[in-house]
N, C-alpha and C. Protein backbone atom coordinates (compact mmCIF):
# COMPACT_ATOMS: atom_id res chain seq x y z
N THR A 1 5.99 13.25 -2.66
CA THR A 1 5.29 12.76 -3.97
C THR A 1 5.34 11.32 -4.33
N LYS A 2 6.70 10.74 -3.92
CA LYS A 2 6.88 9.58 -4.54
C LYS A 2 6.30 8.39 -3.54
N THR A 3 6.06 8.76 -2.47
CA THR A 3 5.41 7.93 -1.17
C THR A 3 3.75 7.85 -2.07
N ASN A 4 3.49 9.19 -2.11
CA ASN A 4 1.88 9.06 -2.50
C ASN A 4 1.63 8.42 -3.72
N ALA A 5 2.73 8.30 -4.77
CA ALA A 5 2.66 7.62 -6.03
C ALA A 5 2.46 6.18 -5.89
N ARG A 6 3.40 5.77 -4.85
CA ARG A 6 3.65 4.28 -4.44
C ARG A 6 2.32 3.86 -3.91
N GLY A 7 1.91 4.72 -2.82
CA GLY A 7 0.57 4.33 -2.32
C GLY A 7 -0.57 4.18 -3.21
N LYS A 8 -0.85 5.16 -4.25
CA LYS A 8 -1.74 5.11 -5.25
C LYS A 8 -1.47 3.74 -6.14
N GLN A 9 -0.42 3.46 -6.38
CA GLN A 9 0.12 2.24 -7.38
C GLN A 9 -0.48 0.88 -6.48
N LEU A 10 -0.22 0.82 -5.47
CA LEU A 10 -0.48 -0.21 -4.71
C LEU A 10 -1.88 -0.27 -4.43
N GLN A 11 -2.81 0.70 -4.30
CA GLN A 11 -4.29 0.61 -4.34
C GLN A 11 -4.85 0.23 -5.63
N GLU A 12 -4.33 0.68 -6.95
CA GLU A 12 -4.69 0.01 -7.94
C GLU A 12 -4.38 -1.28 -8.15
N LEU A 13 -3.36 -1.65 -7.65
CA LEU A 13 -3.01 -3.25 -7.68
C LEU A 13 -4.09 -4.15 -6.78
N LEU A 14 -4.34 -3.33 -5.84
CA LEU A 14 -5.53 -3.95 -4.93
C LEU A 14 -6.93 -4.07 -5.56
N ASN A 15 -7.08 -2.99 -6.28
CA ASN A 15 -8.33 -2.97 -6.97
C ASN A 15 -8.41 -4.02 -8.14
N GLU A 16 -7.20 -4.18 -8.79
CA GLU A 16 -7.22 -5.30 -9.83
C GLU A 16 -7.23 -6.84 -9.25
N GLY A 17 -7.02 -7.02 -7.92
CA GLY A 17 -6.70 -8.04 -7.49
C GLY A 17 -5.52 -8.73 -7.47
N LEU A 18 -4.32 -8.12 -7.81
CA LEU A 18 -3.14 -8.59 -8.36
C LEU A 18 -2.31 -8.89 -7.06
N ILE A 19 -2.56 -8.42 -5.80
CA ILE A 19 -1.79 -8.80 -4.58
C ILE A 19 -2.79 -9.19 -3.50
N GLU A 20 -3.79 -9.87 -3.80
CA GLU A 20 -4.74 -10.27 -2.95
C GLU A 20 -4.05 -11.45 -1.90
N PHE A 21 -2.80 -12.06 -2.55
CA PHE A 21 -2.18 -13.02 -1.61
C PHE A 21 -1.25 -12.24 -0.41
N VAL A 22 -1.18 -11.00 -0.21
CA VAL A 22 -0.62 -10.27 0.60
C VAL A 22 -1.36 -10.59 2.10
N ASP A 23 -0.59 -11.20 2.87
CA ASP A 23 -1.26 -11.26 4.29
C ASP A 23 -1.70 -10.14 4.94
N ASP A 24 -2.60 -9.98 6.23
CA ASP A 24 -2.90 -8.88 6.77
C ASP A 24 -1.67 -7.94 7.55
N ASP A 25 -0.77 -9.00 7.76
CA ASP A 25 0.32 -8.22 8.62
C ASP A 25 1.18 -7.19 7.67
N SER A 26 1.57 -7.74 6.30
CA SER A 26 2.03 -7.12 5.32
C SER A 26 1.30 -5.90 5.12
N THR A 27 0.08 -6.01 4.79
CA THR A 27 -0.63 -5.16 4.31
C THR A 27 -0.73 -3.59 5.41
N THR A 28 -0.99 -4.36 6.76
CA THR A 28 -1.06 -3.17 7.52
C THR A 28 0.51 -2.53 7.75
N PHE A 29 1.36 -3.30 7.57
CA PHE A 29 2.80 -2.80 7.67
C PHE A 29 2.89 -1.61 6.54
N GLU A 30 2.60 -1.78 5.25
CA GLU A 30 2.61 -0.96 4.21
C GLU A 30 1.60 0.24 4.64
N LYS A 31 0.54 -0.04 5.13
CA LYS A 31 -0.47 1.30 5.18
C LYS A 31 0.34 1.98 6.35
N ASN A 32 0.93 1.44 7.57
CA ASN A 32 1.45 2.15 8.69
C ASN A 32 2.71 3.06 8.23
N ASP A 33 3.61 2.18 7.33
CA ASP A 33 4.72 2.91 6.68
C ASP A 33 4.30 4.08 5.81
N TYR A 34 3.40 3.95 5.20
CA TYR A 34 2.85 5.01 4.31
C TYR A 34 2.46 6.27 5.14
N GLY A 35 1.70 5.86 6.09
CA GLY A 35 0.88 6.85 6.97
C GLY A 35 2.29 7.86 7.66
N THR A 36 3.29 6.93 8.15
CA THR A 36 4.24 7.71 8.86
C THR A 36 5.23 8.54 7.82
N LYS A 37 5.48 7.97 6.82
CA LYS A 37 6.12 8.99 5.94
C LYS A 37 5.59 10.00 5.29
N LEU A 38 3.98 10.03 5.23
CA LEU A 38 3.13 10.97 4.75
C LEU A 38 3.03 12.21 5.83
N ASP A 39 3.11 11.58 7.27
CA ASP A 39 3.18 12.79 8.32
C ASP A 39 4.65 13.35 8.26
């Protein structure tokens, strides 16, 4: 549940445009890391 909450929080930040500065590599890493933990 902690990972899910973190992912949701990150998505909310993205929606607000607060972390637009995050480069593609970092964004991909976060998504891969989240998917791995979820699995």
